[in-house]
């Protein structure tokens, strides 16, 4: 039986793929649980021309397109065409999760939030068995076992998660946001970030340390499956298989604290942003991690509770 794995989709658009979890987790469940996996539909085949899902919200003078993104892709994928490009071209504002700062600013933010201040090394925070597994994972990747010792557990997990993807051809500069931002800058339209870098890093940094460690342990436990899992996730995204994508991405968000911090609370804030933005005229292209647009706690579901209907655009 295939194991559940933590999709890098939990992590930041600054580094990784997409954020998500569609189903309300059990209060007592935790990341890394040995519970049997939910049934996932047969994996999709990556099409020659990707047609990811797109929604639209309209009133008399405001239009907001909702587009789910993947924050890291392999070069050469075609997706910016047809309805997606039409919606973008009609928009006078691009809204993304976060606007990346320059390298120097980001380095300072990381130093402030992601480097441990207690003086206790990362490996010394792990139980003996977990430490052995962690060190073995780093060794298998050809890395020194002390490589991430200065980091908080959550940031070590972020970095560790990227390695198998980069080695399998994924490029952190080839994400959907990168292309959208390039087009937005070329057109000189307004670019808005829903969150600051400090806020995004803070969602992880503010997690209790035991939750961060469970997060890291689960990343270690599933690292061998990360690249294959990412391939399946991208194929589901490219085929606009929203339910399958949501189910796939649910793996790893069984911890209620993670679920609320990384998905529910952020979607609630974004739903309020959309509600207020609908009071202003204009056309907006809102692009967030695809998992935020799947499942019971999706952005669309929360908007529906406010009486705002997002209609799927078929193309």
C-alpha atoms as a PDB file:
ATOM      1  CA  UNK A   1       0.000   0.000   0.000  1.00  0.00           C
ATOM      2  CA  UNK A   2       1.382   3.362  -0.980  1.00  0.00           C
ATOM      3  CA  UNK A   3       2.349   5.576   1.919  1.00  0.00           C
ATOM      4  CA  UNK A   4       1.011   9.052   2.426  1.00  0.00           C
ATOM      5  CA  UNK A   5       3.648  11.674   1.865  1.00  0.00           C
ATOM      6  CA  UNK A   6       3.997  15.299   2.747  1.00  0.00           C
ATOM      7  CA  UNK A   7       3.709  17.279  -0.428  1.00  0.00           C
ATOM      8  CA  UNK A   8       5.996  20.233  -0.536  1.00  0.00           C
ATOM      9  CA  UNK A   9       2.787  22.096  -1.159  1.00  0.00           C
ATOM     10  CA  UNK A  10       2.619  22.906   2.521  1.00  0.00           C
ATOM     11  CA  UNK A  11       5.463  25.265   2.048  1.00  0.00           C
ATOM     12  CA  UNK A  12       6.159  28.791   0.965  1.00  0.00           C
ATOM     13  CA  UNK A  13       5.750  30.127  -2.558  1.00  0.00           C
ATOM     14  CA  UNK A  14       9.128  31.687  -1.918  1.00  0.00           C
ATOM     15  CA  UNK A  15      10.612  28.198  -2.074  1.00  0.00           C
ATOM     16  CA  UNK A  16       8.202  25.486  -3.028  1.00  0.00           C
ATOM     17  CA  UNK A  17       5.060  24.234  -4.682  1.00  0.00           C
ATOM     18  CA  UNK A  18       1.598  24.952  -3.208  1.00  0.00           C
ATOM     19  CA  UNK A  19      -0.412  25.052  -0.078  1.00  0.00           C
ATOM     20  CA  UNK A  20      -3.367  22.923   0.677  1.00  0.00           C
ATOM     21  CA  UNK A  21      -5.586  20.528   2.533  1.00  0.00           C
ATOM     22  CA  UNK A  22      -9.234  19.988   1.674  1.00  0.00           C
ATOM     23  CA  UNK A  23     -10.584  17.847   4.467  1.00  0.00           C
ATOM     24  CA  UNK A  24     -10.986  18.754   8.133  1.00  0.00           C
ATOM     25  CA  UNK A  25      -8.438  16.665  10.033  1.00  0.00           C
ATOM     26  CA  UNK A  26      -9.179  14.748  13.188  1.00  0.00           C
ATOM     27  CA  UNK A  27      -8.248  16.769  16.263  1.00  0.00           C
ATOM     28  CA  UNK A  28      -6.026  14.013  17.570  1.00  0.00           C
ATOM     29  CA  UNK A  29      -4.230  13.232  14.308  1.00  0.00           C
ATOM     30  CA  UNK A  30      -0.663  14.327  13.732  1.00  0.00           C
ATOM     31  CA  UNK A  31       1.659  14.729  10.788  1.00  0.00           C
ATOM     32  CA  UNK A  32       3.496  11.504  10.219  1.00  0.00           C
ATOM     33  CA  UNK A  33       0.628   9.337  11.410  1.00  0.00           C
ATOM     34  CA  UNK A  34       0.738   5.657  10.460  1.00  0.00           C
ATOM     35  CA  UNK A  35      -2.977   5.700   9.698  1.00  0.00           C
ATOM     36  CA  UNK A  36      -3.997   4.029   6.445  1.00  0.00           C
ATOM     37  CA  UNK A  37      -4.051   6.430   3.506  1.00  0.00           C
ATOM     38  CA  UNK A  38      -7.248   7.588   1.934  1.00  0.00           C
ATOM     39  CA  UNK A  39      -7.963   6.227  -1.510  1.00  0.00           C
ATOM     40  CA  UNK A  40      -6.536   8.444  -4.231  1.00  0.00           C
ATOM     41  CA  UNK A  41      -7.797   8.170  -7.783  1.00  0.00           C
ATOM     42  CA  UNK A  42      -5.517   6.824 -10.496  1.00  0.00           C
ATOM     43  CA  UNK A  43      -2.806   9.386 -11.249  1.00  0.00           C
ATOM     44  CA  UNK A  44      -3.339  11.697 -14.176  1.00  0.00           C
ATOM     45  CA  UNK A  45      -1.017  11.801 -17.164  1.00  0.00           C
ATOM     46  CA  UNK A  46       0.757  15.092 -17.728  1.00  0.00           C
ATOM     47  CA  UNK A  47      -0.789  16.622 -20.890  1.00  0.00           C
ATOM     48  CA  UNK A  48       1.182  18.344 -23.630  1.00  0.00           C
ATOM     49  CA  UNK A  49      -0.832  21.507 -22.976  1.00  0.00           C
ATOM     50  CA  UNK A  50      -1.794  22.122 -19.343  1.00  0.00           C
ATOM     51  CA  UNK A  51      -5.243  23.613 -18.690  1.00  0.00           C
ATOM     52  CA  UNK A  52      -5.371  24.321 -14.937  1.00  0.00           C
ATOM     53  CA  UNK A  53      -8.628  25.250 -13.252  1.00  0.00           C
ATOM     54  CA  UNK A  54      -9.843  28.849 -13.320  1.00  0.00           C
ATOM     55  CA  UNK A  55     -12.792  30.519 -11.587  1.00  0.00           C
ATOM     56  CA  UNK A  56     -14.365  33.960 -11.838  1.00  0.00           C
ATOM     57  CA  UNK A  57     -16.372  36.184  -9.477  1.00  0.00           C
ATOM     58  CA  UNK A  58     -18.383  39.037 -10.940  1.00  0.00           C
ATOM     59  CA  UNK A  59     -20.736  41.833  -9.992  1.00  0.00           C
ATOM     60  CA  UNK A  60     -21.789  44.973 -11.825  1.00  0.00           C
ATOM     61  CA  UNK A  61     -18.362  46.611 -11.908  1.00  0.00           C
ATOM     62  CA  UNK A  62     -15.854  44.142 -10.429  1.00  0.00           C
ATOM     63  CA  UNK A  63     -14.365  40.924 -11.769  1.00  0.00           C
ATOM     64  CA  UNK A  64     -11.955  38.691  -9.857  1.00  0.00           C
ATOM     65  CA  UNK A  65     -10.377  35.641 -11.487  1.00  0.00           C
ATOM     66  CA  UNK A  66      -9.235  32.874  -9.105  1.00  0.00           C
ATOM     67  CA  UNK A  67      -6.327  30.801 -10.368  1.00  0.00           C
ATOM     68  CA  UNK A  68      -4.547  28.006  -8.529  1.00  0.00           C
ATOM     69  CA  UNK A  69      -0.786  27.972  -8.937  1.00  0.00           C
ATOM     70  CA  UNK A  70       2.156  25.622  -8.575  1.00  0.00           C
ATOM     71  CA  UNK A  71       5.118  27.476  -7.112  1.00  0.00           C
ATOM     72  CA  UNK A  72       7.812  25.294  -8.663  1.00  0.00           C
ATOM     73  CA  UNK A  73       7.752  23.543 -12.054  1.00  0.00           C
ATOM     74  CA  UNK A  74      10.042  21.963 -14.590  1.00  0.00           C
ATOM     75  CA  UNK A  75      11.010  24.215 -17.517  1.00  0.00           C
ATOM     76  CA  UNK A  76       8.958  24.021 -20.679  1.00  0.00           C
ATOM     77  CA  UNK A  77       5.423  23.474 -19.377  1.00  0.00           C
ATOM     78  CA  UNK A  78       2.773  25.347 -21.358  1.00  0.00           C
ATOM     79  CA  UNK A  79      -0.141  26.678 -19.296  1.00  0.00           C
ATOM     80  CA  UNK A  80      -0.308  30.448 -19.880  1.00  0.00           C
ATOM     81  CA  UNK A  81      -2.771  30.408 -22.770  1.00  0.00           C
ATOM     82  CA  UNK A  82      -6.490  30.163 -23.583  1.00  0.00           C
ATOM     83  CA  UNK A  83      -8.817  31.192 -20.736  1.00  0.00           C
ATOM     84  CA  UNK A  84      -5.975  31.764 -18.267  1.00  0.00           C
ATOM     85  CA  UNK A  85      -4.234  34.246 -20.541  1.00  0.00           C
ATOM     86  CA  UNK A  86      -7.537  35.841 -21.544  1.00  0.00           C
ATOM     87  CA  UNK A  87      -8.435  36.420 -17.887  1.00  0.00           C
ATOM     88  CA  UNK A  88      -4.997  37.766 -17.096  1.00  0.00           C
ATOM     89  CA  UNK A  89      -4.957  40.058 -20.123  1.00  0.00           C
ATOM     90  CA  UNK A  90      -8.340  41.469 -19.114  1.00  0.00           C
ATOM     91  CA  UNK A  91      -7.094  42.260 -15.590  1.00  0.00           C
ATOM     92  CA  UNK A  92      -5.617  45.497 -14.364  1.00  0.00           C
ATOM     93  CA  UNK A  93      -4.203  44.027 -11.139  1.00  0.00           C
ATOM     94  CA  UNK A  94      -2.298  40.839 -10.287  1.00  0.00           C
ATOM     95  CA  UNK A  95      -2.623  39.565  -6.731  1.00  0.00           C
ATOM     96  CA  UNK A  96      -0.287  36.855  -5.440  1.00  0.00           C
ATOM     97  CA  UNK A  97       0.350  35.339  -2.033  1.00  0.00           C
ATOM     98  CA  UNK A  98       3.575  37.245  -1.524  1.00  0.00           C
ATOM     99  CA  UNK A  99       5.868  39.583  -3.419  1.00  0.00           C
ATOM    100  CA  UNK A 100       9.443  38.339  -3.141  1.00  0.00           C
ATOM    101  CA  UNK A 101      11.883  40.838  -1.644  1.00  0.00           C
ATOM    102  CA  UNK A 102      15.430  41.168  -2.903  1.00  0.00           C
ATOM    103  CA  UNK A 103      18.009  38.673  -1.706  1.00  0.00           C
ATOM    104  CA  UNK A 104      19.545  40.887   0.979  1.00  0.00           C
ATOM    105  CA  UNK A 105      16.190  41.691   2.556  1.00  0.00           C
ATOM    106  CA  UNK A 106      15.145  38.043   2.450  1.00  0.00           C
ATOM    107  CA  UNK A 107      18.403  36.945   4.037  1.00  0.00           C
ATOM    108  CA  UNK A 108      17.772  39.255   6.978  1.00  0.00           C
ATOM    109  CA  UNK A 109      14.209  37.991   7.414  1.00  0.00           C
ATOM    110  CA  UNK A 110      15.435  34.391   7.363  1.00  0.00           C
ATOM    111  CA  UNK A 111      18.151  35.182   9.886  1.00  0.00           C
ATOM    112  CA  UNK A 112      15.584  36.778  12.174  1.00  0.00           C
ATOM    113  CA  UNK A 113      12.946  34.058  11.923  1.00  0.00           C
ATOM    114  CA  UNK A 114      14.404  30.778  10.677  1.00  0.00           C
ATOM    115  CA  UNK A 115      17.690  30.446  12.551  1.00  0.00           C
ATOM    116  CA  UNK A 116      17.520  28.969  16.042  1.00  0.00           C
ATOM    117  CA  UNK A 117      18.243  31.416  18.846  1.00  0.00           C
ATOM    118  CA  UNK A 118      18.387  28.924  21.745  1.00  0.00           C
ATOM    119  CA  UNK A 119      21.850  27.539  21.076  1.00  0.00           C
ATOM    120  CA  UNK A 120      20.489  23.994  20.843  1.00  0.00           C
ATOM    121  CA  UNK A 121      21.309  22.309  17.545  1.00  0.00           C
ATOM    122  CA  UNK A 122      18.517  20.884  15.437  1.00  0.00           C
ATOM    123  CA  UNK A 123      19.689  17.293  15.798  1.00  0.00           C
ATOM    124  CA  UNK A 124      19.826  17.603  19.592  1.00  0.00           C
ATOM    125  CA  UNK A 125      16.115  18.431  19.546  1.00  0.00           C
ATOM    126  CA  UNK A 126      15.237  15.098  17.916  1.00  0.00           C
ATOM    127  CA  UNK A 127      14.504  11.817  19.663  1.00  0.00           C
ATOM    128  CA  UNK A 128      17.236   9.218  19.144  1.00  0.00           C
ATOM    129  CA  UNK A 129      15.361   7.203  16.503  1.00  0.00           C
ATOM    130  CA  UNK A 130      14.210  10.331  14.667  1.00  0.00           C
ATOM    131  CA  UNK A 131      17.742  11.724  14.732  1.00  0.00           C
ATOM    132  CA  UNK A 132      19.114   8.531  13.218  1.00  0.00           C
ATOM    133  CA  UNK A 133      16.529   8.651  10.416  1.00  0.00           C
ATOM    134  CA  UNK A 134      17.225  12.348   9.822  1.00  0.00           C
ATOM    135  CA  UNK A 135      20.984  11.847   9.641  1.00  0.00           C
ATOM    136  CA  UNK A 136      20.512   8.881   7.310  1.00  0.00           C
ATOM    137  CA  UNK A 137      18.344  11.001   4.996  1.00  0.00           C
ATOM    138  CA  UNK A 138      20.994  13.723   4.800  1.00  0.00           C
ATOM    139  CA  UNK A 139      23.732  11.163   4.214  1.00  0.00           C
ATOM    140  CA  UNK A 140      21.712   9.561   1.407  1.00  0.00           C
ATOM    141  CA  UNK A 141      21.429  12.996  -0.181  1.00  0.00           C
ATOM    142  CA  UNK A 142      25.194  13.449   0.031  1.00  0.00           C
ATOM    143  CA  UNK A 143      24.961  16.188   2.651  1.00  0.00           C
ATOM    144  CA  UNK A 144      26.782  16.672   5.969  1.00  0.00           C
ATOM    145  CA  UNK A 145      24.603  15.580   8.888  1.00  0.00           C
ATOM    146  CA  UNK A 146      25.239  18.955  10.540  1.00  0.00           C
ATOM    147  CA  UNK A 147      24.079  20.916   7.461  1.00  0.00           C
ATOM    148  CA  UNK A 148      20.883  22.270   9.027  1.00  0.00           C
ATOM    149  CA  UNK A 149      21.897  22.270  12.692  1.00  0.00           C
ATOM    150  CA  UNK A 150      21.536  26.075  13.090  1.00  0.00           C
ATOM    151  CA  UNK A 151      17.984  26.086  11.668  1.00  0.00           C
ATOM    152  CA  UNK A 152      14.572  25.823  13.259  1.00  0.00           C
ATOM    153  CA  UNK A 153      12.932  22.462  12.461  1.00  0.00           C
ATOM    154  CA  UNK A 154      10.353  23.941  10.090  1.00  0.00           C
ATOM    155  CA  UNK A 155      12.998  25.665   7.955  1.00  0.00           C
ATOM    156  CA  UNK A 156      15.146  22.557   7.837  1.00  0.00           C
ATOM    157  CA  UNK A 157      12.071  20.748   6.525  1.00  0.00           C
ATOM    158  CA  UNK A 158      11.565  23.402   3.846  1.00  0.00           C
ATOM    159  CA  UNK A 159      15.151  23.073   2.653  1.00  0.00           C
ATOM    160  CA  UNK A 160      15.178  19.288   2.862  1.00  0.00           C
ATOM    161  CA  UNK A 161      11.979  19.070   0.839  1.00  0.00           C
ATOM    162  CA  UNK A 162      13.437  21.051  -2.045  1.00  0.00           C
ATOM    163  CA  UNK A 163      16.467  18.869  -2.653  1.00  0.00           C
ATOM    164  CA  UNK A 164      14.830  15.850  -4.349  1.00  0.00           C
ATOM    165  CA  UNK A 165      12.718  18.156  -6.504  1.00  0.00           C
ATOM    166  CA  UNK A 166      15.679  20.192  -7.729  1.00  0.00           C
ATOM    167  CA  UNK A 167      17.566  16.992  -8.475  1.00  0.00           C
ATOM    168  CA  UNK A 168      14.631  15.809 -10.567  1.00  0.00           C
ATOM    169  CA  UNK A 169      14.551  18.849 -12.813  1.00  0.00           C
ATOM    170  CA  UNK A 170      12.272  21.257 -10.937  1.00  0.00           C
ATOM    171  CA  UNK A 171      13.340  24.884 -11.011  1.00  0.00           C
ATOM    172  CA  UNK A 172      12.416  27.325  -8.252  1.00  0.00           C
ATOM    173  CA  UNK A 173      12.484  30.114 -10.852  1.00  0.00           C
ATOM    174  CA  UNK A 174       9.964  28.346 -13.115  1.00  0.00           C
ATOM    175  CA  UNK A 175       6.889  28.624 -10.906  1.00  0.00           C
ATOM    176  CA  UNK A 176       3.550  29.948 -12.104  1.00  0.00           C
ATOM    177  CA  UNK A 177       3.933  33.159 -10.107  1.00  0.00           C
ATOM    178  CA  UNK A 178       7.269  33.883 -11.770  1.00  0.00           C
ATOM    179  CA  UNK A 179       5.663  33.915 -15.202  1.00  0.00           C
ATOM    180  CA  UNK A 180       2.619  35.873 -14.074  1.00  0.00           C
ATOM    181  CA  UNK A 181       4.800  38.462 -12.372  1.00  0.00           C
ATOM    182  CA  UNK A 182       6.969  38.828 -15.469  1.00  0.00           C
ATOM    183  CA  UNK A 183       3.895  39.470 -17.622  1.00  0.00           C
ATOM    184  CA  UNK A 184       2.432  41.866 -15.048  1.00  0.00           C
ATOM    185  CA  UNK A 185       5.652  43.879 -14.924  1.00  0.00           C
ATOM    186  CA  UNK A 186       5.818  43.964 -18.719  1.00  0.00           C
ATOM    187  CA  UNK A 187       2.258  45.315 -18.833  1.00  0.00           C
ATOM    188  CA  UNK A 188       2.973  47.663 -15.885  1.00  0.00           C
ATOM    189  CA  UNK A 189      -0.196  46.665 -14.060  1.00  0.00           C
ATOM    190  CA  UNK A 190      -0.636  46.816 -10.287  1.00  0.00           C
ATOM    191  CA  UNK A 191       0.916  43.932  -8.343  1.00  0.00           C
ATOM    192  CA  UNK A 192      -0.377  43.205  -4.834  1.00  0.00           C
ATOM    193  CA  UNK A 193       0.765  40.700  -2.202  1.00  0.00           C
ATOM    194  CA  UNK A 194      -1.750  39.205   0.205  1.00  0.00           C
ATOM    195  CA  UNK A 195       0.980  38.519   2.764  1.00  0.00           C
ATOM    196  CA  UNK A 196       4.434  39.848   3.594  1.00  0.00           C
ATOM    197  CA  UNK A 197       7.522  37.600   3.709  1.00  0.00           C
ATOM    198  CA  UNK A 198       7.576  38.043   7.488  1.00  0.00           C
ATOM    199  CA  UNK A 199       3.985  36.825   7.699  1.00  0.00           C
ATOM    200  CA  UNK A 200       4.616  33.780   5.512  1.00  0.00           C
ATOM    201  CA  UNK A 201       7.697  32.724   7.440  1.00  0.00           C
ATOM    202  CA  UNK A 202       5.884  33.551  10.650  1.00  0.00           C
ATOM    203  CA  UNK A 203       3.125  31.013   9.957  1.00  0.00           C
ATOM    204  CA  UNK A 204       5.798  28.335  10.332  1.00  0.00           C
ATOM    205  CA  UNK A 205       8.023  30.007  12.885  1.00  0.00           C
ATOM    206  CA  UNK A 206       5.097  30.473  15.269  1.00  0.00           C
ATOM    207  CA  UNK A 207       4.213  26.780  15.231  1.00  0.00           C
ATOM    208  CA  UNK A 208       4.972  25.022  18.527  1.00  0.00           C
ATOM    209  CA  UNK A 209       8.344  23.306  18.345  1.00  0.00           C
ATOM    210  CA  UNK A 210       6.854  19.831  18.769  1.00  0.00           C
ATOM    211  CA  UNK A 211       4.671  20.453  15.709  1.00  0.00           C
ATOM    212  CA  UNK A 212       7.695  21.673  13.755  1.00  0.00           C
ATOM    213  CA  UNK A 213       9.580  18.510  14.709  1.00  0.00           C
ATOM    214  CA  UNK A 214       6.691  16.274  13.633  1.00  0.00           C
ATOM    215  CA  UNK A 215       6.658  18.212  10.375  1.00  0.00           C
ATOM    216  CA  UNK A 216      10.383  17.567   9.908  1.00  0.00           C
ATOM    217  CA  UNK A 217      10.106  13.894  10.872  1.00  0.00           C
ATOM    218  CA  UNK A 218       7.333  13.364   8.333  1.00  0.00           C
ATOM    219  CA  UNK A 219       9.382  15.089   5.636  1.00  0.00           C
ATOM    220  CA  UNK A 220      12.280  12.748   6.410  1.00  0.00           C
ATOM    221  CA  UNK A 221       9.993   9.723   6.429  1.00  0.00           C
ATOM    222  CA  UNK A 222       8.573  10.520   2.998  1.00  0.00           C
ATOM    223  CA  UNK A 223      11.482  12.166   1.209  1.00  0.00           C
ATOM    224  CA  UNK A 224      12.037   9.233  -1.136  1.00  0.00           C
ATOM    225  CA  UNK A 225       8.497   9.681  -2.447  1.00  0.00           C
ATOM    226  CA  UNK A 226       8.639  13.451  -2.875  1.00  0.00           C
ATOM    227  CA  UNK A 227       9.641  13.605  -6.544  1.00  0.00           C
ATOM    228  CA  UNK A 228       7.084  11.020  -7.692  1.00  0.00           C
ATOM    229  CA  UNK A 229       4.420  12.703  -5.584  1.00  0.00           C
ATOM    230  CA  UNK A 230       5.230  16.063  -7.110  1.00  0.00           C
ATOM    231  CA  UNK A 231       4.930  14.587 -10.612  1.00  0.00           C
ATOM    232  CA  UNK A 232       1.463  13.297  -9.765  1.00  0.00           C
ATOM    233  CA  UNK A 233       0.413  16.580  -8.192  1.00  0.00           C
ATOM    234  CA  UNK A 234       1.531  18.616 -11.208  1.00  0.00           C
ATOM    235  CA  UNK A 235      -0.326  16.254 -13.548  1.00  0.00           C
ATOM    236  CA  UNK A 236      -3.548  16.616 -11.550  1.00  0.00           C
ATOM    237  CA  UNK A 237      -3.106  20.401 -11.559  1.00  0.00           C
ATOM    238  CA  UNK A 238      -2.438  20.469 -15.300  1.00  0.00           C
ATOM    239  CA  UNK A 239      -5.580  18.406 -15.958  1.00  0.00           C
ATOM    240  CA  UNK A 240      -7.712  20.568 -13.616  1.00  0.00           C
ATOM    241  CA  UNK A 241      -8.585  17.511 -11.497  1.00  0.00           C
ATOM    242  CA  UNK A 242      -9.518  19.571  -8.462  1.00  0.00           C
ATOM    243  CA  UNK A 243     -10.911  16.792  -6.262  1.00  0.00           C
ATOM    244  CA  UNK A 244      -7.988  14.472  -6.964  1.00  0.00           C
ATOM    245  CA  UNK A 245      -5.517  17.291  -6.407  1.00  0.00           C
ATOM    246  CA  UNK A 246      -7.117  18.205  -3.099  1.00  0.00           C
ATOM    247  CA  UNK A 247      -7.111  14.595  -1.909  1.00  0.00           C
ATOM    248  CA  UNK A 248      -3.513  14.133  -2.938  1.00  0.00           C
ATOM    249  CA  UNK A 249      -2.412  17.278  -1.171  1.00  0.00           C
ATOM    250  CA  UNK A 250      -4.222  16.327   2.019  1.00  0.00           C
ATOM    251  CA  UNK A 251      -1.333  14.038   2.947  1.00  0.00           C
ATOM    252  CA  UNK A 252       0.738  15.665   5.658  1.00  0.00           C
ATOM    253  CA  UNK A 253      -1.795  18.159   7.002  1.00  0.00           C
ATOM    254  CA  UNK A 254      -3.349  15.769   9.487  1.00  0.00           C
ATOM    255  CA  UNK A 255      -2.052  17.876  12.350  1.00  0.00           C
ATOM    256  CA  UNK A 256      -4.855  20.256  13.300  1.00  0.00           C
ATOM    257  CA  UNK A 257      -2.434  23.053  14.157  1.00  0.00           C
ATOM    258  CA  UNK A 258      -0.776  22.822  10.747  1.00  0.00           C
ATOM    259  CA  UNK A 259      -4.134  22.620   9.030  1.00  0.00           C
ATOM    260  CA  UNK A 260      -5.434  25.765  10.680  1.00  0.00           C
ATOM    261  CA  UNK A 261      -2.218  27.767  10.434  1.00  0.00           C
ATOM    262  CA  UNK A 262      -1.369  26.966   6.832  1.00  0.00           C
ATOM    263  CA  UNK A 263      -4.792  26.755   5.251  1.00  0.00           C
ATOM    264  CA  UNK A 264      -7.913  27.667   7.207  1.00  0.00           C
ATOM    265  CA  UNK A 265      -6.763  30.885   8.858  1.00  0.00           C
ATOM    266  CA  UNK A 266      -5.135  32.198   5.691  1.00  0.00           C
ATOM    267  CA  UNK A 267      -8.143  31.376   3.519  1.00  0.00           C
ATOM    268  CA  UNK A 268     -10.396  33.190   5.984  1.00  0.00           C
ATOM    269  CA  UNK A 269      -8.238  36.323   5.747  1.00  0.00           C
ATOM    270  CA  UNK A 270      -8.142  36.099   1.958  1.00  0.00           C
ATOM    271  CA  UNK A 271     -11.907  35.623   1.770  1.00  0.00           C
ATOM    272  CA  UNK A 272     -12.317  38.861   3.706  1.00  0.00           C
ATOM    273  CA  UNK A 273      -9.889  40.552   1.298  1.00  0.00           C
ATOM    274  CA  UNK A 274     -11.924  39.379  -1.699  1.00  0.00           C
ATOM    275  CA  UNK A 275     -15.154  40.524  -0.048  1.00  0.00           C
ATOM    276  CA  UNK A 276     -13.766  44.022   0.469  1.00  0.00           C
ATOM    277  CA  UNK A 277     -12.175  44.118  -2.989  1.00  0.00           C
ATOM    278  CA  UNK A 278     -15.525  43.367  -4.615  1.00  0.00           C
ATOM    279  CA  UNK A 279     -16.669  46.779  -3.384  1.00  0.00           C
ATOM    280  CA  UNK A 280     -14.109  48.439  -5.688  1.00  0.00           C
ATOM    281  CA  UNK A 281     -14.476  48.492  -9.472  1.00  0.00           C
ATOM    282  CA  UNK A 282     -11.879  46.810 -11.650  1.00  0.00           C
ATOM    283  CA  UNK A 283     -10.634  43.427 -12.827  1.00  0.00           C
ATOM    284  CA  UNK A 284      -8.249  41.382 -10.699  1.00  0.00           C
ATOM    285  CA  UNK A 285      -6.302  38.196 -11.402  1.00  0.00           C
ATOM    286  CA  UNK A 286      -5.866  36.465  -8.019  1.00  0.00           C
ATOM    287  CA  UNK A 287      -3.285  33.651  -8.113  1.00  0.00           C
ATOM    288  CA  UNK A 288      -2.688  31.536  -5.003  1.00  0.00           C
ATOM    289  CA  UNK A 289      -1.485  28.010  -4.333  1.00  0.00           C
ATOM    290  CA  UNK A 290      -3.866  25.571  -6.015  1.00  0.00           C
ATOM    291  CA  UNK A 291      -4.616  23.734  -2.799  1.00  0.00           C
ATOM    292  CA  UNK A 292      -6.256  26.854  -1.380  1.00  0.00           C
ATOM    293  CA  UNK A 293      -8.913  26.411  -4.056  1.00  0.00           C
ATOM    294  CA  UNK A 294      -9.756  22.761  -3.287  1.00  0.00           C
ATOM    295  CA  UNK A 295     -11.938  21.128  -0.662  1.00  0.00           C
ATOM    296  CA  UNK A 296     -14.271  22.002   2.174  1.00  0.00           C
ATOM    297  CA  UNK A 297     -12.112  24.835   3.497  1.00  0.00           C
ATOM    298  CA  UNK A 298     -11.266  26.255   0.085  1.00  0.00           C
ATOM    299  CA  UNK A 299     -11.319  29.957  -0.596  1.00  0.00           C
ATOM    300  CA  UNK A 300     -14.405  29.484  -2.772  1.00  0.00           C
ATOM    301  CA  UNK A 301     -16.217  27.645   0.040  1.00  0.00           C
ATOM    302  CA  UNK A 302     -15.512  30.447   2.484  1.00  0.00           C
ATOM    303  CA  UNK A 303     -16.574  33.045  -0.059  1.00  0.00           C
ATOM    304  CA  UNK A 304     -19.844  31.178  -0.628  1.00  0.00           C
ATOM    305  CA  UNK A 305     -20.627  31.640   3.069  1.00  0.00           C
ATOM    306  CA  UNK A 306     -20.384  35.370   2.422  1.00  0.00           C
ATOM    307  CA  UNK A 307     -22.764  35.066  -0.523  1.00  0.00           C
ATOM    308  CA  UNK A 308     -19.967  35.408  -3.097  1.00  0.00           C
ATOM    309  CA  UNK A 309     -20.144  32.778  -5.826  1.00  0.00           C
ATOM    310  CA  UNK A 310     -17.050  31.711  -7.762  1.00  0.00           C
ATOM    311  CA  UNK A 311     -17.997  30.123 -11.092  1.00  0.00           C
ATOM    312  CA  UNK A 312     -15.684  27.633 -12.777  1.00  0.00           C
ATOM    313  CA  UNK A 313     -14.617  28.651 -16.280  1.00  0.00           C
ATOM    314  CA  UNK A 314     -14.663  25.693 -18.627  1.00  0.00           C
ATOM    315  CA  UNK A 315     -12.160  25.821 -21.459  1.00  0.00           C
END
